[in-house]
């Protein structure tokens, strides 16, 4: 799933093309001890919290677990959440993640229905697989947007390329 989506991605790529679709979630009545065990086993730092109709209610993160006391997810979760849609561009999602200092963004559609999750790891995978390449000298740059000019030769034309294995 992820490999094929990344191979065709560009900086204009929409979140829906690279998001994680099969998202682990928590329900408000889930005991905190179960969430702690799930997060430790799966090596994750947070989960969206959804209702019975899969509508996003908030998130529960390692910060909530460490800093709050309670028996259930509802007792400790952060209500509400920054969200994006499947149509949000990766650059915009990255800006939200960085400016808000959060690790993951729930992806919603319609009436707050959770359809996926985009994380900093998804963005790292994007950068690992895409390089802006100067058309004049071949120097590569990573980022969502092409540089205005190549620092090596002054070139102003760039193409997005997927690096070869080991590159």
Foldseek 3Di string as FASTA:
>chain_A
DQVVLLQPDALQAFCLSHFAFPFDAAEQAAFPVVVVVVCVVVVHFKHFYAYPQQATFFMDGVCQVVPFDDGTCNRRTDGDFAAAERNHGPVVVVVCCVVVVHFKHFYADDRRHGGGMDGVVSVVVSQLFKWWAQPPPGDTDGDSDDDCADPVPRGRDTDIGGDDPPD
